[in-house]
């Protein structure tokens, strides 16, 4: 399944209800390989995604949801084009026991002071990226966006 940016995210960012580089908390969760979820860009919260078959990696494996640190909006050059991108520090998911297969990453906006699946909204579902699916080896799992950021904001070609 291709990567998906959710409509709820676009509505919030374009209406000014969400700003990447303010005090809004952006979190990420890992999707277990047993998940049957088929991304739907109209899903509006994490609970709805779980109701449609999304299975999160079990916390008993050492996994924990991660937070995007040091969020900024930058202009970077990609393939000779200057493109705005959403940047941030690496996301830390803990030391996950060996043999757990990570199918995808879901980035989401936290609506309150703690995670609440019924109201936290999805930003992107990423299952087509370097290293995915990934089998854990017992070490710490990090998602580092690198020089091209987490998400590109550009018009369609």
N, C-alpha and C. Protein backbone atom coordinates (compact mmCIF):
# COMPACT_ATOMS: atom_id res chain seq x y z
N UNK A 1 0.86 -1.18 0.00
CA UNK A 1 0.00 0.00 0.00
C UNK A 1 0.90 1.23 0.00
N UNK A 2 0.58 2.23 -0.80
CA UNK A 2 1.41 3.44 -0.85
C UNK A 2 1.23 4.31 0.39
N UNK A 3 2.20 5.19 0.59
CA UNK A 3 2.12 6.16 1.68
C UNK A 3 0.89 7.04 1.49
N UNK A 4 0.28 7.46 2.61
CA UNK A 4 -0.95 8.26 2.56
C UNK A 4 -0.81 9.46 3.51
N UNK A 5 -1.17 10.65 3.01
CA UNK A 5 -1.34 11.83 3.86
C UNK A 5 -2.85 11.98 4.06
N UNK A 6 -3.29 12.14 5.29
CA UNK A 6 -4.71 12.13 5.61
C UNK A 6 -5.36 13.50 5.42
N UNK A 7 -6.61 13.47 4.94
CA UNK A 7 -7.35 14.71 4.69
C UNK A 7 -7.53 15.55 5.94
N UNK A 8 -7.70 14.93 7.10
CA UNK A 8 -7.87 15.68 8.34
C UNK A 8 -6.64 16.54 8.61
N UNK A 9 -5.46 16.02 8.31
CA UNK A 9 -4.22 16.79 8.47
C UNK A 9 -4.21 17.99 7.53
N UNK A 10 -4.52 17.75 6.25
CA UNK A 10 -4.51 18.86 5.28
C UNK A 10 -5.52 19.93 5.67
N UNK A 11 -6.71 19.51 6.10
CA UNK A 11 -7.72 20.50 6.53
C UNK A 11 -7.21 21.33 7.70
N UNK A 12 -6.61 20.67 8.69
CA UNK A 12 -6.13 21.37 9.88
C UNK A 12 -4.97 22.32 9.55
N UNK A 13 -4.04 21.87 8.74
CA UNK A 13 -2.89 22.71 8.45
C UNK A 13 -3.27 23.89 7.54
N UNK A 14 -4.15 23.64 6.57
CA UNK A 14 -4.54 24.71 5.65
C UNK A 14 -5.52 25.70 6.27
N UNK A 15 -6.26 25.28 7.29
CA UNK A 15 -7.20 26.19 7.96
C UNK A 15 -6.54 26.94 9.12
N UNK A 16 -5.30 26.58 9.44
CA UNK A 16 -4.60 27.22 10.55
C UNK A 16 -4.88 26.60 11.90
N UNK A 17 -5.58 25.46 11.94
CA UNK A 17 -5.87 24.78 13.21
C UNK A 17 -4.68 23.97 13.71
N UNK A 18 -3.65 23.85 12.90
CA UNK A 18 -2.46 23.07 13.24
C UNK A 18 -1.26 23.76 12.62
N UNK A 19 -0.20 23.86 13.39
CA UNK A 19 1.05 24.43 12.90
C UNK A 19 2.18 23.50 13.28
N UNK A 20 2.99 23.11 12.31
CA UNK A 20 4.07 22.16 12.52
C UNK A 20 5.08 22.65 13.55
N UNK A 21 5.46 23.91 13.49
CA UNK A 21 6.55 24.35 14.34
C UNK A 21 6.11 25.17 15.55
N UNK A 22 4.89 24.92 16.03
CA UNK A 22 4.47 25.58 17.27
C UNK A 22 4.51 24.56 18.42
N UNK A 23 3.72 24.78 19.43
CA UNK A 23 3.71 23.90 20.59
C UNK A 23 2.88 22.63 20.40
N UNK A 24 2.32 22.42 19.22
CA UNK A 24 1.51 21.23 18.95
C UNK A 24 2.39 19.99 18.99
N UNK A 25 1.96 18.95 19.71
CA UNK A 25 2.74 17.72 19.82
C UNK A 25 2.44 16.79 18.66
N UNK A 26 3.50 16.35 17.99
CA UNK A 26 3.39 15.38 16.90
C UNK A 26 4.01 14.09 17.40
N UNK A 27 3.24 13.00 17.31
CA UNK A 27 3.66 11.69 17.80
C UNK A 27 3.70 10.70 16.65
N UNK A 28 4.33 9.57 16.88
CA UNK A 28 4.40 8.50 15.89
C UNK A 28 4.17 7.16 16.58
N UNK A 29 3.51 6.27 15.86
CA UNK A 29 3.33 4.90 16.35
C UNK A 29 3.78 3.94 15.27
N UNK A 30 4.13 2.74 15.69
CA UNK A 30 4.58 1.71 14.76
C UNK A 30 3.47 0.69 14.55
N UNK A 31 3.31 0.27 13.31
CA UNK A 31 2.28 -0.69 12.93
C UNK A 31 2.90 -2.08 12.86
N UNK A 32 2.27 -3.04 13.55
CA UNK A 32 2.73 -4.42 13.57
C UNK A 32 2.45 -5.09 12.22
N UNK A 33 3.29 -6.05 11.88
CA UNK A 33 3.14 -6.77 10.61
C UNK A 33 1.82 -7.53 10.51
N UNK A 34 1.18 -7.83 11.64
CA UNK A 34 -0.11 -8.55 11.61
C UNK A 34 -1.27 -7.64 11.23
N UNK A 35 -1.02 -6.36 11.10
CA UNK A 35 -2.08 -5.39 10.78
C UNK A 35 -2.68 -5.67 9.42
N UNK A 36 -4.01 -5.57 9.34
CA UNK A 36 -4.72 -5.73 8.07
C UNK A 36 -5.23 -4.38 7.55
N UNK A 37 -4.85 -3.31 8.20
CA UNK A 37 -5.32 -1.97 7.86
C UNK A 37 -4.92 -1.59 6.44
N UNK A 38 -5.92 -1.09 5.70
CA UNK A 38 -5.70 -0.52 4.37
C UNK A 38 -5.92 0.98 4.51
N UNK A 39 -4.88 1.81 4.37
CA UNK A 39 -5.00 3.24 4.61
C UNK A 39 -6.14 3.88 3.83
N UNK A 40 -6.89 4.70 4.54
CA UNK A 40 -8.01 5.44 3.97
C UNK A 40 -7.77 6.90 4.31
N UNK A 41 -7.54 7.74 3.32
CA UNK A 41 -7.19 9.14 3.57
C UNK A 41 -8.29 9.90 4.29
N UNK A 42 -9.49 9.33 4.39
CA UNK A 42 -10.60 9.99 5.09
C UNK A 42 -10.71 9.62 6.56
N UNK A 43 -9.86 8.70 7.06
CA UNK A 43 -9.90 8.38 8.47
C UNK A 43 -9.48 9.61 9.27
N UNK A 44 -10.22 9.90 10.35
CA UNK A 44 -10.06 11.15 11.07
C UNK A 44 -9.39 11.00 12.44
N UNK A 45 -9.22 9.76 12.94
CA UNK A 45 -8.55 9.58 14.22
C UNK A 45 -7.93 8.18 14.29
N UNK A 46 -7.09 7.99 15.27
CA UNK A 46 -6.37 6.72 15.42
C UNK A 46 -7.34 5.59 15.75
N UNK A 47 -8.34 5.85 16.57
CA UNK A 47 -9.32 4.82 16.93
C UNK A 47 -10.03 4.29 15.68
N UNK A 48 -10.38 5.16 14.77
CA UNK A 48 -11.04 4.75 13.52
C UNK A 48 -10.11 3.84 12.72
N UNK A 49 -8.83 4.15 12.70
CA UNK A 49 -7.85 3.32 11.98
C UNK A 49 -7.75 1.94 12.64
N UNK A 50 -7.72 1.91 13.97
CA UNK A 50 -7.65 0.63 14.67
C UNK A 50 -8.92 -0.19 14.44
N UNK A 51 -10.06 0.47 14.36
CA UNK A 51 -11.31 -0.21 14.06
C UNK A 51 -11.32 -0.82 12.67
N UNK A 52 -10.47 -0.29 11.79
CA UNK A 52 -10.37 -0.78 10.41
C UNK A 52 -9.21 -1.76 10.24
N UNK A 53 -8.67 -2.26 11.36
CA UNK A 53 -7.66 -3.32 11.28
C UNK A 53 -6.23 -2.93 11.61
N UNK A 54 -5.97 -1.67 11.97
CA UNK A 54 -4.61 -1.29 12.32
C UNK A 54 -4.22 -1.93 13.64
N UNK A 55 -3.07 -2.60 13.66
CA UNK A 55 -2.56 -3.23 14.87
C UNK A 55 -1.23 -2.56 15.20
N UNK A 56 -1.17 -1.94 16.37
CA UNK A 56 0.04 -1.28 16.82
C UNK A 56 0.98 -2.31 17.44
N UNK A 57 2.29 -2.09 17.31
CA UNK A 57 3.28 -2.96 17.95
C UNK A 57 2.98 -2.99 19.45
N UNK A 58 3.06 -4.15 20.06
CA UNK A 58 2.73 -4.33 21.47
C UNK A 58 3.77 -3.69 22.38
N UNK A 59 3.29 -3.01 23.42
CA UNK A 59 4.22 -2.38 24.37
C UNK A 59 5.02 -3.43 25.14
N UNK A 60 4.52 -4.65 25.25
CA UNK A 60 5.24 -5.71 25.96
C UNK A 60 6.57 -6.05 25.27
N UNK A 61 6.76 -5.60 24.03
CA UNK A 61 8.00 -5.86 23.29
C UNK A 61 9.09 -4.85 23.63
N UNK A 62 8.77 -3.84 24.42
CA UNK A 62 9.71 -2.75 24.71
C UNK A 62 9.40 -1.50 23.90
N UNK A 63 8.40 -1.60 23.04
CA UNK A 63 8.00 -0.48 22.19
C UNK A 63 7.27 0.60 22.97
N UNK A 64 7.50 1.83 22.56
CA UNK A 64 6.73 2.97 23.05
C UNK A 64 6.54 3.94 21.90
N UNK A 65 5.43 4.66 21.92
CA UNK A 65 5.21 5.68 20.91
C UNK A 65 6.27 6.77 21.05
N UNK A 66 6.63 7.39 19.92
CA UNK A 66 7.66 8.41 19.93
C UNK A 66 7.12 9.79 19.60
N UNK A 67 7.87 10.81 19.99
CA UNK A 67 7.50 12.20 19.75
C UNK A 67 8.52 12.84 18.82
N UNK A 68 8.02 13.63 17.85
CA UNK A 68 8.91 14.38 16.96
C UNK A 68 9.40 15.61 17.73
N UNK A 69 10.71 15.73 17.86
CA UNK A 69 11.33 16.84 18.57
C UNK A 69 11.81 17.90 17.58
N UNK A 70 11.98 19.12 18.05
CA UNK A 70 12.62 20.19 17.29
C UNK A 70 12.02 20.37 15.89
N UNK A 71 10.70 20.53 15.83
CA UNK A 71 10.00 20.65 14.56
C UNK A 71 10.27 22.02 13.93
N UNK A 72 10.60 22.02 12.64
CA UNK A 72 10.77 23.24 11.87
C UNK A 72 10.24 23.03 10.46
N UNK A 73 9.98 24.12 9.78
CA UNK A 73 9.63 24.07 8.36
C UNK A 73 10.83 24.67 7.62
N UNK A 74 11.37 23.93 6.69
CA UNK A 74 12.56 24.35 5.95
C UNK A 74 12.30 24.28 4.44
N UNK A 75 13.14 24.96 3.69
CA UNK A 75 13.13 24.84 2.23
C UNK A 75 14.40 24.07 1.88
N UNK A 76 14.26 22.93 1.22
CA UNK A 76 15.41 22.13 0.83
C UNK A 76 15.38 21.90 -0.68
N UNK A 77 16.54 21.60 -1.23
CA UNK A 77 16.62 21.31 -2.66
C UNK A 77 16.58 19.80 -2.85
N UNK A 78 15.59 19.35 -3.61
CA UNK A 78 15.42 17.93 -3.92
C UNK A 78 15.28 17.83 -5.43
N UNK A 79 16.18 17.12 -6.07
CA UNK A 79 16.16 16.96 -7.53
C UNK A 79 16.09 18.31 -8.24
N UNK A 80 16.92 19.24 -7.80
CA UNK A 80 17.01 20.59 -8.39
C UNK A 80 15.76 21.43 -8.21
N UNK A 81 14.89 21.06 -7.28
CA UNK A 81 13.69 21.84 -6.97
C UNK A 81 13.75 22.25 -5.50
N UNK A 82 13.44 23.51 -5.22
CA UNK A 82 13.36 23.98 -3.84
C UNK A 82 11.95 23.71 -3.33
N UNK A 83 11.86 22.89 -2.27
CA UNK A 83 10.58 22.39 -1.78
C UNK A 83 10.48 22.61 -0.27
N UNK A 84 9.32 23.11 0.21
CA UNK A 84 9.15 23.19 1.67
C UNK A 84 8.95 21.79 2.25
N UNK A 85 9.60 21.53 3.37
CA UNK A 85 9.50 20.23 4.03
C UNK A 85 9.31 20.41 5.53
N UNK A 86 8.67 19.44 6.15
CA UNK A 86 8.50 19.41 7.60
C UNK A 86 9.66 18.61 8.17
N UNK A 87 10.47 19.29 8.98
CA UNK A 87 11.68 18.69 9.55
C UNK A 87 11.47 18.42 11.04
N UNK A 88 12.38 17.67 11.61
CA UNK A 88 12.36 17.41 13.04
C UNK A 88 13.45 16.43 13.41
N UNK A 89 13.67 16.31 14.72
CA UNK A 89 14.67 15.38 15.20
C UNK A 89 14.20 13.94 15.09
N UNK A 90 15.09 13.00 15.27
CA UNK A 90 14.70 11.60 15.16
C UNK A 90 13.66 11.21 16.21
N UNK A 91 12.81 10.27 15.85
CA UNK A 91 11.76 9.76 16.74
C UNK A 91 12.27 8.45 17.35
N UNK A 92 12.19 8.33 18.65
CA UNK A 92 12.70 7.19 19.41
C UNK A 92 11.54 6.31 19.84
N UNK A 93 11.59 5.01 19.48
CA UNK A 93 10.51 4.07 19.80
C UNK A 93 10.89 3.04 20.86
N UNK A 94 12.05 3.19 21.47
CA UNK A 94 12.47 2.23 22.49
C UNK A 94 13.24 1.06 21.90
N UNK A 95 13.74 0.21 22.78
CA UNK A 95 14.45 -1.00 22.37
C UNK A 95 13.42 -2.12 22.25
N UNK A 96 13.10 -2.48 21.03
CA UNK A 96 12.06 -3.48 20.77
C UNK A 96 12.71 -4.86 20.66
N UNK A 97 12.12 -5.82 21.34
CA UNK A 97 12.69 -7.17 21.36
C UNK A 97 12.91 -7.70 19.94
N UNK A 98 13.83 -8.60 19.81
CA UNK A 98 14.21 -9.17 18.52
C UNK A 98 13.04 -9.93 17.88
N UNK A 99 12.92 -9.79 16.56
CA UNK A 99 11.95 -10.56 15.80
C UNK A 99 10.60 -9.91 15.55
N UNK A 100 10.39 -8.70 16.03
CA UNK A 100 9.14 -7.99 15.77
C UNK A 100 9.26 -7.30 14.41
N UNK A 101 8.29 -7.54 13.52
CA UNK A 101 8.33 -6.91 12.20
C UNK A 101 7.44 -5.68 12.18
N UNK A 102 8.05 -4.56 11.85
CA UNK A 102 7.36 -3.28 11.76
C UNK A 102 6.93 -3.08 10.31
N UNK A 103 5.63 -2.97 10.11
CA UNK A 103 5.07 -2.85 8.77
C UNK A 103 5.04 -1.39 8.29
N UNK A 104 4.74 -0.46 9.21
CA UNK A 104 4.56 0.94 8.81
C UNK A 104 4.72 1.85 10.02
N UNK A 105 4.75 3.15 9.73
CA UNK A 105 4.79 4.19 10.75
C UNK A 105 3.58 5.09 10.53
N UNK A 106 2.90 5.47 11.61
CA UNK A 106 1.82 6.45 11.54
C UNK A 106 2.25 7.67 12.35
N UNK A 107 2.28 8.82 11.68
CA UNK A 107 2.53 10.09 12.37
C UNK A 107 1.18 10.70 12.65
N UNK A 108 0.99 11.22 13.90
CA UNK A 108 -0.31 11.78 14.24
C UNK A 108 -0.15 13.02 15.11
N UNK A 109 -1.18 13.85 15.10
CA UNK A 109 -1.23 15.03 15.93
C UNK A 109 -1.96 14.72 17.22
N UNK A 110 -1.34 15.08 18.33
CA UNK A 110 -1.96 14.86 19.64
C UNK A 110 -2.85 16.07 19.96
N UNK A 111 -4.10 15.80 20.31
CA UNK A 111 -5.06 16.86 20.60
C UNK A 111 -5.04 17.34 22.04
N UNK A 112 -4.57 16.53 22.96
CA UNK A 112 -4.57 16.92 24.37
C UNK A 112 -3.17 16.80 24.97
N UNK A 113 -3.13 16.63 26.29
CA UNK A 113 -1.84 16.51 26.96
C UNK A 113 -1.33 15.07 27.01
N UNK A 114 -2.18 14.13 26.61
CA UNK A 114 -1.77 12.73 26.51
C UNK A 114 -2.41 12.12 25.27
N UNK A 115 -1.88 10.98 24.82
CA UNK A 115 -2.43 10.31 23.64
C UNK A 115 -3.87 9.87 23.92
N UNK A 116 -4.75 10.16 22.97
CA UNK A 116 -6.16 9.75 23.06
C UNK A 116 -6.58 9.31 21.66
N UNK A 117 -6.61 8.01 21.43
CA UNK A 117 -6.88 7.49 20.09
C UNK A 117 -8.19 7.99 19.50
N UNK A 118 -9.16 8.32 20.33
CA UNK A 118 -10.47 8.77 19.82
C UNK A 118 -10.43 10.17 19.23
N UNK A 119 -9.43 10.98 19.59
CA UNK A 119 -9.37 12.36 19.08
C UNK A 119 -8.06 12.69 18.36
N UNK A 120 -6.98 11.97 18.62
CA UNK A 120 -5.71 12.25 17.95
C UNK A 120 -5.86 11.94 16.47
N UNK A 121 -5.40 12.86 15.62
CA UNK A 121 -5.65 12.73 14.17
C UNK A 121 -4.40 12.28 13.41
N UNK A 122 -4.59 11.42 12.42
CA UNK A 122 -3.45 10.94 11.64
C UNK A 122 -2.95 12.02 10.68
N UNK A 123 -1.63 12.06 10.53
CA UNK A 123 -0.99 12.97 9.57
C UNK A 123 -0.59 12.16 8.34
N UNK A 124 0.25 11.14 8.53
CA UNK A 124 0.66 10.28 7.42
C UNK A 124 0.77 8.83 7.87
N UNK A 125 0.55 7.93 6.92
CA UNK A 125 0.79 6.50 7.08
C UNK A 125 1.91 6.19 6.10
N UNK A 126 3.02 5.68 6.59
CA UNK A 126 4.17 5.42 5.73
C UNK A 126 4.53 3.94 5.80
N UNK A 127 4.37 3.27 4.67
CA UNK A 127 4.79 1.87 4.59
C UNK A 127 5.72 1.63 3.40
N UNK A 128 5.95 2.67 2.63
CA UNK A 128 6.91 2.56 1.52
C UNK A 128 8.03 3.57 1.77
N UNK A 129 9.04 3.11 2.45
CA UNK A 129 10.20 3.93 2.76
C UNK A 129 11.39 2.99 2.95
N UNK A 130 12.57 3.54 2.84
CA UNK A 130 13.77 2.74 3.06
C UNK A 130 13.70 2.08 4.43
N UNK A 131 13.91 0.79 4.45
CA UNK A 131 13.93 0.07 5.72
C UNK A 131 12.61 -0.52 6.16
N UNK A 132 11.53 -0.31 5.40
CA UNK A 132 10.22 -0.88 5.76
C UNK A 132 9.83 -1.94 4.75
N UNK A 133 9.30 -3.04 5.19
CA UNK A 133 9.14 -3.44 6.59
C UNK A 133 10.50 -3.67 7.23
N UNK A 134 10.53 -3.58 8.55
CA UNK A 134 11.77 -3.71 9.31
C UNK A 134 11.58 -4.73 10.42
N UNK A 135 12.53 -5.64 10.53
CA UNK A 135 12.50 -6.59 11.64
C UNK A 135 13.44 -6.08 12.72
N UNK A 136 12.93 -6.01 13.94
CA UNK A 136 13.74 -5.52 15.06
C UNK A 136 14.80 -6.55 15.43
N UNK A 137 15.89 -6.02 16.00
CA UNK A 137 17.00 -6.91 16.40
C UNK A 137 17.28 -6.82 17.90
N UNK A 138 16.35 -6.22 18.64
CA UNK A 138 16.53 -6.07 20.08
C UNK A 138 17.10 -4.72 20.45
N UNK A 139 17.49 -3.93 19.47
CA UNK A 139 18.07 -2.61 19.74
C UNK A 139 17.02 -1.51 19.66
N UNK A 140 17.48 -0.30 19.91
CA UNK A 140 16.63 0.88 19.86
C UNK A 140 16.21 1.15 18.41
N UNK A 141 14.93 1.45 18.23
CA UNK A 141 14.40 1.80 16.91
C UNK A 141 14.24 3.32 16.85
N UNK A 142 14.88 3.93 15.84
CA UNK A 142 14.78 5.37 15.60
C UNK A 142 14.26 5.60 14.19
N UNK A 143 13.48 6.66 14.02
CA UNK A 143 13.08 7.11 12.69
C UNK A 143 13.71 8.48 12.51
N UNK A 144 14.68 8.56 11.62
CA UNK A 144 15.38 9.81 11.36
C UNK A 144 15.03 10.27 9.95
N UNK A 145 14.42 11.43 9.80
CA UNK A 145 13.97 11.86 8.48
C UNK A 145 15.10 12.27 7.55
N UNK A 146 16.26 12.55 8.07
CA UNK A 146 17.37 12.97 7.24
C UNK A 146 17.17 14.36 6.66
N UNK A 147 17.97 14.69 5.67
CA UNK A 147 17.99 16.04 5.10
C UNK A 147 16.73 16.40 4.32
N UNK A 148 15.92 15.42 3.94
CA UNK A 148 14.71 15.69 3.16
C UNK A 148 13.46 15.81 4.02
N UNK A 149 13.58 15.70 5.33
CA UNK A 149 12.45 15.91 6.22
C UNK A 149 11.46 14.76 6.29
N UNK A 150 10.44 14.95 7.12
CA UNK A 150 9.39 13.96 7.30
C UNK A 150 8.37 13.98 6.17
N UNK A 151 8.03 15.18 5.70
CA UNK A 151 6.96 15.31 4.73
C UNK A 151 7.24 16.51 3.83
N UNK A 152 7.12 16.31 2.51
CA UNK A 152 7.30 17.39 1.55
C UNK A 152 5.97 18.06 1.28
N UNK A 153 5.99 19.36 1.20
CA UNK A 153 4.80 20.13 0.87
C UNK A 153 5.02 20.78 -0.48
N UNK A 154 4.47 20.20 -1.51
CA UNK A 154 4.68 20.71 -2.85
C UNK A 154 3.47 20.41 -3.72
N UNK A 155 3.24 21.25 -4.73
CA UNK A 155 2.13 20.97 -5.64
C UNK A 155 2.39 19.71 -6.46
N UNK A 156 1.33 19.11 -6.90
CA UNK A 156 1.45 17.92 -7.75
C UNK A 156 2.09 18.32 -9.08
N UNK A 157 2.89 17.44 -9.68
CA UNK A 157 3.53 17.77 -10.97
C UNK A 157 2.51 17.84 -12.08
